[in-house]
C-alpha atoms as a PDB file:
ATOM      1  CA  UNK A   1       0.113  -0.119   0.077  1.00  0.00           C
ATOM      2  CA  UNK A   2       2.825   2.537   0.932  1.00  0.00           C
ATOM      3  CA  UNK A   3       4.677   1.481  -1.848  1.00  0.00           C
ATOM      4  CA  UNK A   4       1.549   2.715  -4.443  1.00  0.00           C
ATOM      5  CA  UNK A   5       1.181   5.771  -2.411  1.00  0.00           C
ATOM      6  CA  UNK A   6       4.435   6.693  -3.309  1.00  0.00           C
ATOM      7  CA  UNK A   7       4.448   5.915  -7.368  1.00  0.00           C
ATOM      8  CA  UNK A   8       0.984   7.474  -7.103  1.00  0.00           C
ATOM      9  CA  UNK A   9       2.793  10.578  -5.619  1.00  0.00           C
ATOM     10  CA  UNK A  10       5.725  10.594  -8.058  1.00  0.00           C
ATOM     11  CA  UNK A  11       3.253  10.284 -10.980  1.00  0.00           C
ATOM     12  CA  UNK A  12       1.266  13.117  -9.924  1.00  0.00           C
ATOM     13  CA  UNK A  13       4.533  15.241  -9.363  1.00  0.00           C
ATOM     14  CA  UNK A  14       5.993  14.266 -12.634  1.00  0.00           C
ATOM     15  CA  UNK A  15       2.761  15.149 -14.341  1.00  0.00           C
ATOM     16  CA  UNK A  16       2.726  18.403 -12.732  1.00  0.00           C
ATOM     17  CA  UNK A  17       6.252  18.949 -13.746  1.00  0.00           C
ATOM     18  CA  UNK A  18       5.623  18.347 -17.306  1.00  0.00           C
ATOM     19  CA  UNK A  19       2.213  20.054 -17.289  1.00  0.00           C
ATOM     20  CA  UNK A  20       3.849  23.790 -16.204  1.00  0.00           C
ATOM     21  CA  UNK A  21       4.937  25.674 -19.008  1.00  0.00           C
ATOM     22  CA  UNK A  22       7.560  28.353 -18.594  1.00  0.00           C
ATOM     23  CA  UNK A  23      10.002  30.626 -20.273  1.00  0.00           C
ATOM     24  CA  UNK A  24      13.430  31.212 -20.601  1.00  0.00           C
ATOM     25  CA  UNK A  25      14.606  34.755 -20.914  1.00  0.00           C
ATOM     26  CA  UNK A  26      18.140  36.578 -21.426  1.00  0.00           C
ATOM     27  CA  UNK A  27      19.950  37.408 -18.367  1.00  0.00           C
ATOM     28  CA  UNK A  28      22.247  40.075 -19.923  1.00  0.00           C
ATOM     29  CA  UNK A  29      18.793  42.367 -20.304  1.00  0.00           C
ATOM     30  CA  UNK A  30      18.471  42.708 -16.482  1.00  0.00           C
ATOM     31  CA  UNK A  31      19.874  44.184 -13.759  1.00  0.00           C
ATOM     32  CA  UNK A  32      19.839  44.075 -10.269  1.00  0.00           C
ATOM     33  CA  UNK A  33      17.787  40.532 -10.367  1.00  0.00           C
ATOM     34  CA  UNK A  34      17.683  38.661  -7.180  1.00  0.00           C
ATOM     35  CA  UNK A  35      20.587  35.889  -7.401  1.00  0.00           C
ATOM     36  CA  UNK A  36      17.764  32.796  -6.737  1.00  0.00           C
ATOM     37  CA  UNK A  37      15.624  33.864 -10.381  1.00  0.00           C
ATOM     38  CA  UNK A  38      15.935  30.861 -11.976  1.00  0.00           C
ATOM     39  CA  UNK A  39      16.741  30.055 -15.873  1.00  0.00           C
ATOM     40  CA  UNK A  40      13.435  29.370 -16.273  1.00  0.00           C
ATOM     41  CA  UNK A  41      10.085  31.875 -15.287  1.00  0.00           C
ATOM     42  CA  UNK A  42       6.924  33.159 -15.885  1.00  0.00           C
ATOM     43  CA  UNK A  43       5.601  29.484 -15.247  1.00  0.00           C
ATOM     44  CA  UNK A  44       2.107  28.651 -15.265  1.00  0.00           C
ATOM     45  CA  UNK A  45       1.029  25.387 -14.049  1.00  0.00           C
ATOM     46  CA  UNK A  46      -1.896  22.652 -15.699  1.00  0.00           C
ATOM     47  CA  UNK A  47      -4.622  25.070 -13.839  1.00  0.00           C
ATOM     48  CA  UNK A  48      -3.339  27.932 -15.693  1.00  0.00           C
ATOM     49  CA  UNK A  49      -2.036  29.637 -12.324  1.00  0.00           C
ATOM     50  CA  UNK A  50       1.310  31.152 -12.201  1.00  0.00           C
ATOM     51  CA  UNK A  51       3.632  30.140  -9.994  1.00  0.00           C
ATOM     52  CA  UNK A  52       7.180  30.851  -8.721  1.00  0.00           C
ATOM     53  CA  UNK A  53       8.840  33.992  -9.959  1.00  0.00           C
ATOM     54  CA  UNK A  54       7.454  36.558 -13.146  1.00  0.00           C
ATOM     55  CA  UNK A  55       8.938  38.860 -14.564  1.00  0.00           C
ATOM     56  CA  UNK A  56       7.164  41.319 -16.949  1.00  0.00           C
ATOM     57  CA  UNK A  57       9.038  43.363 -19.554  1.00  0.00           C
ATOM     58  CA  UNK A  58       9.099  44.567 -23.191  1.00  0.00           C
ATOM     59  CA  UNK A  59      12.101  44.109 -25.126  1.00  0.00           C
ATOM     60  CA  UNK A  60      12.886  46.983 -27.129  1.00  0.00           C
ATOM     61  CA  UNK A  61      15.312  47.675 -30.235  1.00  0.00           C
ATOM     62  CA  UNK A  62      17.309  50.691 -30.883  1.00  0.00           C
ATOM     63  CA  UNK A  63      20.087  51.680 -34.009  1.00  0.00           C
ATOM     64  CA  UNK A  64      21.210  54.079 -31.483  1.00  0.00           C
ATOM     65  CA  UNK A  65      23.278  53.881 -28.117  1.00  0.00           C
ATOM     66  CA  UNK A  66      20.357  53.684 -25.321  1.00  0.00           C
ATOM     67  CA  UNK A  67      22.675  53.618 -22.204  1.00  0.00           C
ATOM     68  CA  UNK A  68      25.845  54.731 -21.296  1.00  0.00           C
ATOM     69  CA  UNK A  69      27.078  51.392 -20.622  1.00  0.00           C
ATOM     70  CA  UNK A  70      24.440  49.424 -23.293  1.00  0.00           C
ATOM     71  CA  UNK A  71      25.720  49.933 -27.159  1.00  0.00           C
ATOM     72  CA  UNK A  72      22.605  49.871 -29.813  1.00  0.00           C
ATOM     73  CA  UNK A  73      20.498  46.498 -30.017  1.00  0.00           C
ATOM     74  CA  UNK A  74      17.904  45.304 -27.952  1.00  0.00           C
ATOM     75  CA  UNK A  75      17.277  46.444 -24.397  1.00  0.00           C
ATOM     76  CA  UNK A  76      14.705  46.593 -21.334  1.00  0.00           C
ATOM     77  CA  UNK A  77      14.266  49.515 -20.311  1.00  0.00           C
ATOM     78  CA  UNK A  78      12.156  49.021 -16.799  1.00  0.00           C
ATOM     79  CA  UNK A  79      10.481  45.291 -15.627  1.00  0.00           C
ATOM     80  CA  UNK A  80       8.341  44.279 -12.787  1.00  0.00           C
ATOM     81  CA  UNK A  81       9.886  41.008 -11.079  1.00  0.00           C
ATOM     82  CA  UNK A  82       8.659  39.353  -8.208  1.00  0.00           C
ATOM     83  CA  UNK A  83       7.001  35.470  -6.904  1.00  0.00           C
ATOM     84  CA  UNK A  84       3.109  34.054  -7.474  1.00  0.00           C
ATOM     85  CA  UNK A  85       1.738  31.152  -5.298  1.00  0.00           C
ATOM     86  CA  UNK A  86      -1.712  29.935  -7.010  1.00  0.00           C
ATOM     87  CA  UNK A  87      -1.769  33.427  -9.271  1.00  0.00           C
ATOM     88  CA  UNK A  88      -1.264  35.587  -6.059  1.00  0.00           C
ATOM     89  CA  UNK A  89       1.392  37.740  -5.662  1.00  0.00           C
ATOM     90  CA  UNK A  90       3.367  37.247  -2.584  1.00  0.00           C
ATOM     91  CA  UNK A  91       6.121  38.802  -0.981  1.00  0.00           C
ATOM     92  CA  UNK A  92       8.258  41.374  -2.385  1.00  0.00           C
ATOM     93  CA  UNK A  93       7.566  42.892  -6.070  1.00  0.00           C
ATOM     94  CA  UNK A  94       9.935  45.462  -7.716  1.00  0.00           C
ATOM     95  CA  UNK A  95       9.515  47.788 -10.411  1.00  0.00           C
ATOM     96  CA  UNK A  96      13.530  48.552 -11.707  1.00  0.00           C
ATOM     97  CA  UNK A  97      14.060  51.212 -14.491  1.00  0.00           C
ATOM     98  CA  UNK A  98      17.271  50.686 -16.198  1.00  0.00           C
ATOM     99  CA  UNK A  99      20.001  52.928 -17.616  1.00  0.00           C
ATOM    100  CA  UNK A 100      22.466  55.617 -16.505  1.00  0.00           C
ATOM    101  CA  UNK A 101      20.278  57.005 -14.007  1.00  0.00           C
ATOM    102  CA  UNK A 102      18.331  53.620 -13.037  1.00  0.00           C
ATOM    103  CA  UNK A 103      17.246  51.871 -10.298  1.00  0.00           C
ATOM    104  CA  UNK A 104      14.507  50.629  -7.940  1.00  0.00           C
ATOM    105  CA  UNK A 105      11.630  52.817  -8.844  1.00  0.00           C
ATOM    106  CA  UNK A 106       8.961  50.855  -6.838  1.00  0.00           C
ATOM    107  CA  UNK A 107       8.888  48.379  -4.146  1.00  0.00           C
ATOM    108  CA  UNK A 108       5.339  46.263  -2.983  1.00  0.00           C
ATOM    109  CA  UNK A 109       4.823  43.556  -0.681  1.00  0.00           C
ATOM    110  CA  UNK A 110       1.828  41.020  -0.614  1.00  0.00           C
ATOM    111  CA  UNK A 111       1.113  39.559   2.572  1.00  0.00           C
ATOM    112  CA  UNK A 112      -2.049  36.905   2.952  1.00  0.00           C
ATOM    113  CA  UNK A 113      -3.203  35.338   6.087  1.00  0.00           C
ATOM    114  CA  UNK A 114      -6.096  33.103   6.589  1.00  0.00           C
ATOM    115  CA  UNK A 115      -8.586  36.127   6.887  1.00  0.00           C
ATOM    116  CA  UNK A 116      -6.255  39.141   5.735  1.00  0.00           C
ATOM    117  CA  UNK A 117      -4.557  40.658   2.774  1.00  0.00           C
ATOM    118  CA  UNK A 118      -2.083  42.832   3.252  1.00  0.00           C
ATOM    119  CA  UNK A 119      -0.355  45.037   0.178  1.00  0.00           C
ATOM    120  CA  UNK A 120       2.570  47.716   1.311  1.00  0.00           C
ATOM    121  CA  UNK A 121       4.030  49.910  -1.364  1.00  0.00           C
ATOM    122  CA  UNK A 122       6.682  52.315  -1.958  1.00  0.00           C
ATOM    123  CA  UNK A 123       7.612  54.339  -4.530  1.00  0.00           C
ATOM    124  CA  UNK A 124      10.240  56.863  -6.005  1.00  0.00           C
ATOM    125  CA  UNK A 125       7.745  59.885  -5.006  1.00  0.00           C
ATOM    126  CA  UNK A 126       8.574  58.910  -1.576  1.00  0.00           C
ATOM    127  CA  UNK A 127       4.939  58.178  -0.701  1.00  0.00           C
ATOM    128  CA  UNK A 128       4.487  55.138   1.464  1.00  0.00           C
ATOM    129  CA  UNK A 129       0.946  53.141   1.080  1.00  0.00           C
ATOM    130  CA  UNK A 130      -0.950  50.215   2.579  1.00  0.00           C
ATOM    131  CA  UNK A 131      -4.290  48.592   2.400  1.00  0.00           C
ATOM    132  CA  UNK A 132      -5.672  45.660   4.412  1.00  0.00           C
ATOM    133  CA  UNK A 133      -8.293  43.637   2.829  1.00  0.00           C
ATOM    134  CA  UNK A 134     -10.261  41.333   5.112  1.00  0.00           C
ATOM    135  CA  UNK A 135     -11.254  37.953   3.611  1.00  0.00           C
ATOM    136  CA  UNK A 136     -14.046  38.686   1.066  1.00  0.00           C
ATOM    137  CA  UNK A 137     -13.041  42.009   0.687  1.00  0.00           C
ATOM    138  CA  UNK A 138     -15.877  43.838   2.247  1.00  0.00           C
ATOM    139  CA  UNK A 139     -13.570  45.779   4.638  1.00  0.00           C
ATOM    140  CA  UNK A 140     -10.891  47.891   3.321  1.00  0.00           C
ATOM    141  CA  UNK A 141      -8.608  49.880   5.129  1.00  0.00           C
ATOM    142  CA  UNK A 142      -5.965  52.196   3.679  1.00  0.00           C
ATOM    143  CA  UNK A 143      -3.455  54.706   4.712  1.00  0.00           C
ATOM    144  CA  UNK A 144      -1.257  56.786   2.108  1.00  0.00           C
ATOM    145  CA  UNK A 145       1.687  58.893   4.356  1.00  0.00           C
ATOM    146  CA  UNK A 146       3.944  61.521   2.501  1.00  0.00           C
ATOM    147  CA  UNK A 147       6.992  61.593   5.185  1.00  0.00           C
ATOM    148  CA  UNK A 148       8.658  64.447   3.711  1.00  0.00           C
ATOM    149  CA  UNK A 149       4.697  66.850   3.668  1.00  0.00           C
ATOM    150  CA  UNK A 150       3.935  64.582   6.659  1.00  0.00           C
ATOM    151  CA  UNK A 151       0.331  64.234   5.604  1.00  0.00           C
ATOM    152  CA  UNK A 152      -1.679  61.759   5.642  1.00  0.00           C
ATOM    153  CA  UNK A 153      -4.929  60.121   3.470  1.00  0.00           C
ATOM    154  CA  UNK A 154      -7.052  57.598   5.279  1.00  0.00           C
ATOM    155  CA  UNK A 155      -9.704  55.623   2.932  1.00  0.00           C
ATOM    156  CA  UNK A 156     -11.977  53.277   4.518  1.00  0.00           C
ATOM    157  CA  UNK A 157     -14.531  51.042   2.842  1.00  0.00           C
ATOM    158  CA  UNK A 158     -17.148  48.719   4.380  1.00  0.00           C
ATOM    159  CA  UNK A 159     -19.577  47.361   1.901  1.00  0.00           C
ATOM    160  CA  UNK A 160     -21.081  44.514   4.467  1.00  0.00           C
ATOM    161  CA  UNK A 161     -24.534  46.804   3.986  1.00  0.00           C
ATOM    162  CA  UNK A 162     -25.862  47.892   0.129  1.00  0.00           C
ATOM    163  CA  UNK A 163     -28.087  49.890   2.077  1.00  0.00           C
ATOM    164  CA  UNK A 164     -25.403  52.723   1.636  1.00  0.00           C
ATOM    165  CA  UNK A 165     -24.381  54.318  -1.404  1.00  0.00           C
ATOM    166  CA  UNK A 166     -21.344  55.697  -0.866  1.00  0.00           C
ATOM    167  CA  UNK A 167     -19.796  53.305   1.523  1.00  0.00           C
ATOM    168  CA  UNK A 168     -16.433  54.274   0.999  1.00  0.00           C
ATOM    169  CA  UNK A 169     -14.790  57.555   3.289  1.00  0.00           C
ATOM    170  CA  UNK A 170     -11.380  59.198   2.632  1.00  0.00           C
ATOM    171  CA  UNK A 171     -10.066  61.395   4.862  1.00  0.00           C
ATOM    172  CA  UNK A 172      -7.094  64.047   4.975  1.00  0.00           C
ATOM    173  CA  UNK A 173      -5.271  64.603   8.064  1.00  0.00           C
ATOM    174  CA  UNK A 174      -8.521  62.669   9.841  1.00  0.00           C
ATOM    175  CA  UNK A 175     -10.766  65.365   8.174  1.00  0.00           C
ATOM    176  CA  UNK A 176     -13.538  63.907   6.248  1.00  0.00           C
ATOM    177  CA  UNK A 177     -13.072  65.016   2.453  1.00  0.00           C
ATOM    178  CA  UNK A 178     -15.313  63.123   0.573  1.00  0.00           C
ATOM    179  CA  UNK A 179     -17.742  59.877   0.111  1.00  0.00           C
ATOM    180  CA  UNK A 180     -17.754  56.956  -2.528  1.00  0.00           C
ATOM    181  CA  UNK A 181     -18.926  53.967  -3.543  1.00  0.00           C
ATOM    182  CA  UNK A 182     -16.680  50.976  -3.215  1.00  0.00           C
ATOM    183  CA  UNK A 183     -15.847  50.151  -7.132  1.00  0.00           C
ATOM    184  CA  UNK A 184     -14.270  53.737  -7.032  1.00  0.00           C
ATOM    185  CA  UNK A 185     -11.704  52.459  -4.502  1.00  0.00           C
ATOM    186  CA  UNK A 186      -8.653  51.835  -6.619  1.00  0.00           C
ATOM    187  CA  UNK A 187      -9.150  54.843  -8.838  1.00  0.00           C
ATOM    188  CA  UNK A 188      -9.366  56.967  -5.293  1.00  0.00           C
ATOM    189  CA  UNK A 189      -6.264  55.414  -3.948  1.00  0.00           C
ATOM    190  CA  UNK A 190      -3.998  55.764  -6.597  1.00  0.00           C
ATOM    191  CA  UNK A 191      -4.757  59.470  -7.265  1.00  0.00           C
ATOM    192  CA  UNK A 192      -4.533  59.782  -3.218  1.00  0.00           C
ATOM    193  CA  UNK A 193      -0.377  59.128  -4.059  1.00  0.00           C
ATOM    194  CA  UNK A 194      -0.616  62.406  -6.254  1.00  0.00           C
ATOM    195  CA  UNK A 195       1.043  65.203  -4.559  1.00  0.00           C
ATOM    196  CA  UNK A 196      -1.250  68.289  -6.566  1.00  0.00           C
ATOM    197  CA  UNK A 197      -4.439  65.777  -5.399  1.00  0.00           C
ATOM    198  CA  UNK A 198      -3.252  66.067  -1.525  1.00  0.00           C
ATOM    199  CA  UNK A 199      -2.813  69.405  -2.026  1.00  0.00           C
ATOM    200  CA  UNK A 200      -6.599  69.661  -3.068  1.00  0.00           C
ATOM    201  CA  UNK A 201      -7.480  68.137  -0.140  1.00  0.00           C
ATOM    202  CA  UNK A 202      -5.730  70.039   2.048  1.00  0.00           C
ATOM    203  CA  UNK A 203      -7.464  72.898   0.573  1.00  0.00           C
ATOM    204  CA  UNK A 204     -10.835  71.645   1.088  1.00  0.00           C
ATOM    205  CA  UNK A 205      -9.837  70.139   4.411  1.00  0.00           C
ATOM    206  CA  UNK A 206      -9.162  74.343   5.197  1.00  0.00           C
ATOM    207  CA  UNK A 207     -12.430  75.234   3.353  1.00  0.00           C
ATOM    208  CA  UNK A 208     -14.541  72.719   5.972  1.00  0.00           C
ATOM    209  CA  UNK A 209     -12.952  74.091   8.889  1.00  0.00           C
ATOM    210  CA  UNK A 210     -13.376  77.807   8.653  1.00  0.00           C
ATOM    211  CA  UNK A 211     -16.971  76.868   7.391  1.00  0.00           C
END
């Protein structure tokens, strides 16, 4: 019986490995790659789920010198790299720009527990952001902080009840600025990271406090 089970496990593992489809890539086109990135990336398992290391990039071609250290020919201007576990981003994901002034442009982190998903973001605009979702995404809590300007935006959504159409609240420095439906969360969260948009929030907060 034990021998039979071992054979079944081996057959299943072999089938999984054979069913998994991956891509090869030219490592010379990339800088700042983690040491443990394998020669095969962008793998999809037999169920069509993304697994392991993934790199999103476009290979471009130029007849002229692209970077000081890169002669004419094929090059990658920017890439996004990180790991998937069964179609879910996990751990650290980095956006890297290449060239003379290149480097880490944006850093994201994804953490999952049995009932909560947490997403952390940092990018070159010196903005730090965090989103926390509960298991069915009916509760969303997010924070956007600019450490230099020392201003903070909170966006909290509660869609457990459908009675409220505008079930998201946006606060600037703990002052309510606006309400909106939860399907606009991604849009509002993205624009709250912009300096000019936060300046608008600041004006609205001042106007409301003077009333």
